[in-house]
Protein backbone atom coordinates (compact mmCIF):
# COMPACT_ATOMS: atom_id res chain seq x y z
CA MET A 1 1.47 -15.80 -9.34
CA ASP A 2 2.04 -15.76 -5.85
CA GLY A 3 4.17 -13.26 -6.02
CA ARG A 4 8.04 -15.97 -5.33
CA ARG A 5 10.33 -15.36 -8.19
CA ARG A 6 9.27 -19.00 -10.71
CA ASN A 7 11.74 -20.32 -12.10
CA PRO A 8 11.52 -19.76 -16.35
CA TYR A 9 12.35 -23.22 -16.80
CA GLU A 10 10.14 -25.25 -14.90
CA LEU A 11 7.42 -26.19 -15.69
CA THR A 12 3.89 -26.64 -14.21
CA GLU A 13 0.13 -27.73 -15.18
CA GLU A 14 -0.45 -24.39 -16.72
CA THR A 15 2.50 -24.63 -19.21
CA PRO A 16 1.82 -24.55 -22.98
CA VAL A 17 3.97 -27.64 -24.28
CA TYR A 18 1.79 -29.95 -26.66
CA VAL A 19 1.31 -29.03 -30.06
CA ILE A 20 -2.60 -29.51 -31.77
CA SER A 21 -2.00 -33.36 -32.84
CA VAL A 22 -0.34 -34.77 -29.42
CA ALA A 23 -2.90 -32.88 -27.45
CA ALA A 24 -5.48 -34.90 -29.97
CA GLN A 25 -3.26 -37.65 -28.86
CA LEU A 26 -3.24 -37.37 -24.55
CA SER A 27 -6.71 -36.42 -25.21
CA GLY A 28 -8.18 -39.08 -27.86
CA LEU A 29 -9.83 -36.49 -29.71
CA HIS A 30 -9.10 -35.49 -33.22
CA PRO A 31 -7.78 -32.36 -34.11
CA GLN A 32 -10.48 -30.42 -35.56
CA THR A 33 -11.87 -31.34 -32.37
CA LEU A 34 -9.38 -29.27 -30.63
CA ARG A 35 -10.31 -26.65 -33.12
CA GLN A 36 -13.53 -26.75 -33.00
CA TYR A 37 -13.38 -25.87 -29.17
CA ASP A 38 -11.51 -23.63 -29.72
CA ARG A 39 -13.45 -21.76 -31.94
CA LEU A 40 -15.75 -22.41 -29.94
CA GLY A 41 -14.16 -21.21 -26.58
CA LEU A 42 -14.51 -24.96 -24.94
CA VAL A 43 -10.62 -25.02 -24.46
CA SER A 44 -8.13 -22.45 -24.82
CA PRO A 45 -5.01 -23.10 -25.47
CA ASP A 46 -2.07 -20.94 -25.59
CA ARG A 47 -0.58 -19.72 -29.34
CA THR A 48 2.89 -19.38 -30.20
CA ALA A 49 4.99 -16.38 -31.97
CA GLY A 50 3.78 -18.38 -35.33
CA ARG A 51 0.00 -18.97 -34.27
CA GLY A 52 0.07 -22.07 -33.73
CA ARG A 53 -1.60 -24.07 -30.87
CA ARG A 54 0.23 -24.94 -27.88
CA TYR A 55 -1.53 -27.01 -24.76
CA SER A 56 -1.15 -27.49 -21.00
CA ALA A 57 -1.51 -30.39 -19.50
CA ARG A 58 -4.34 -28.41 -17.49
CA ASP A 59 -6.13 -27.72 -21.36
CA ILE A 60 -5.84 -31.61 -22.09
CA GLU A 61 -7.07 -32.51 -18.67
CA LEU A 62 -10.15 -29.87 -19.41
CA LEU A 63 -10.43 -30.89 -23.08
CA ARG A 64 -11.19 -34.76 -21.32
CA GLN A 65 -13.99 -33.65 -19.11
CA VAL A 66 -15.76 -31.92 -22.19
CA GLN A 67 -15.73 -34.89 -24.15
CA GLN A 68 -17.30 -36.85 -20.87
CA LEU A 69 -19.60 -34.30 -20.56
CA SER A 70 -20.76 -34.41 -24.05
CA GLN A 71 -21.01 -38.50 -24.72
CA ASP A 72 -21.14 -39.56 -20.82
CA GLU A 73 -23.68 -36.74 -19.88
CA GLY A 74 -24.65 -35.59 -23.12
CA ILE A 75 -24.34 -32.71 -22.55
CA ASN A 76 -24.12 -29.74 -25.37
CA LEU A 77 -21.17 -28.23 -25.77
CA ALA A 78 -23.18 -24.11 -25.26
CA GLY A 79 -24.14 -26.66 -22.15
CA ILE A 80 -20.62 -27.49 -21.40
CA LYS A 81 -19.35 -23.92 -21.63
CA ARG A 82 -21.69 -22.64 -19.48
CA ILE A 83 -20.39 -25.76 -17.07
CA ILE A 84 -16.93 -24.37 -17.56
CA GLU A 85 -17.46 -20.81 -17.17
CA LEU A 86 -19.52 -21.75 -13.42
CA GLU A 87 -16.35 -24.04 -12.89
CA ASN A 88 -14.31 -20.88 -13.39
CA GLN A 89 -16.04 -18.39 -11.41
CA VAL A 90 -16.29 -20.88 -8.25
CA ALA A 91 -12.74 -21.01 -8.53
CA ALA A 92 -12.00 -17.48 -8.70
CA LEU A 93 -14.95 -17.05 -5.69
CA GLN A 94 -13.05 -20.07 -3.63
CA SER A 95 -9.71 -17.99 -4.56
CA ARG A 96 -10.98 -14.43 -2.69
CA VAL A 97 -12.45 -15.80 -0.14
CA ALA A 98 -9.65 -17.57 0.81
CA GLU A 99 -7.69 -13.92 0.40
CA LEU A 100 -10.09 -12.55 2.26
CA GLN A 101 -9.71 -14.75 5.41
CA ALA A 102 -6.25 -14.49 5.28
CA ALA A 103 -6.72 -10.40 5.41
CA LEU A 104 -9.55 -11.25 7.90
CA ASP A 105 -6.70 -13.21 10.34
CA GLY A 106 -4.11 -11.23 9.74
CA ALA A 107 -6.19 -8.01 10.84
CA ALA A 108 -7.42 -10.30 13.67
CA ALA A 109 -3.95 -11.41 14.89
CA ALA A 110 -2.73 -7.25 14.95
CA MET A 111 -5.77 -6.34 16.55
CA GLN A 112 -4.41 -8.99 19.05
CA GLN A 113 -1.20 -7.34 19.30
CA ARG A 114 -2.31 -4.22 20.24
CA GLU A 115 -4.39 -5.04 22.64
CA ALA A 116 -1.60 -6.73 24.91
CA ALA A 117 0.40 -4.21 24.03
CA VAL A 118 -2.37 -1.97 25.44
CA HIS A 119 -2.49 -4.15 28.62
CA ALA A 120 1.09 -4.44 29.14
CA SER A 121 0.77 -0.88 29.61
CA TYR A 122 -0.84 -0.70 32.51
CA ARG A 123 0.66 0.84 35.51
CA ARG A 124 0.12 -1.58 38.08
CA ASP A 125 2.05 -0.15 40.54
CA LEU A 126 -0.92 2.97 41.11
CA VAL A 127 -3.49 0.48 41.98
CA PRO A 128 -2.84 -2.26 44.10
CA TYR A 129 -4.84 -5.51 43.19
CA GLN A 130 -5.96 -7.95 46.07
CA GLU A 131 -8.46 -10.60 45.10
CA VAL A 132 -11.37 -10.34 47.13
CA GLN A 133 -12.72 -13.44 48.78
CA GLN A 134 -16.99 -13.18 48.66
CA THR A 135 -19.11 -14.83 51.49
CA SER A 136 -22.19 -15.75 52.54
CA ALA A 137 -21.40 -14.13 56.15
CA LEU A 138 -24.19 -12.56 57.24
CA VAL A 139 -23.36 -9.44 59.98
CA VAL A 140 -25.98 -7.93 61.94
CA TRP A 141 -24.88 -4.51 62.72
CA ARG A 142 -26.93 -2.88 66.25
CA PRO A 143 -26.03 0.42 67.34
CA LYS A 144 -25.28 0.78 70.63
CA ARG A 145 -27.99 2.88 72.95
CA GLN A 146 -27.94 5.52 74.28
CA GLN A 147 -27.87 5.80 78.78
CA GLN A 148 -30.78 8.25 79.61
CA SER A 149 -28.93 10.83 81.56
CA ASP A 150 -31.26 11.81 84.98
């Protein structure tokens, strides 16, 4: 979760609401196929207290993806399982990268604030600042001649 308290009645794409017959209808698959995918670990729906399967909108989308990879692309179920695992791993890594980037951005902002505080603490009354103009003028120095005494 993102740290905020959620309304327990709020539905998200992860909320398990569909029984197996409805999930089968929405995904275009037979309920027995959904049971097989669950046994193989391809799509694992949540369970009720009575052990009934409850599918979320995300699960329905995943079922459609499995069907598409199997029928249209000709990938076997073991290959599909590996694809799903890798996609989940990529999503987890992308999430971690986003977390680390946010932490890095926060640390950089804190460092800039501390740096600004140090610069603001300088005592400017001790060292007067005058801008020096650079010129290309050349000054020739000639020592005074000493007069000879008789």
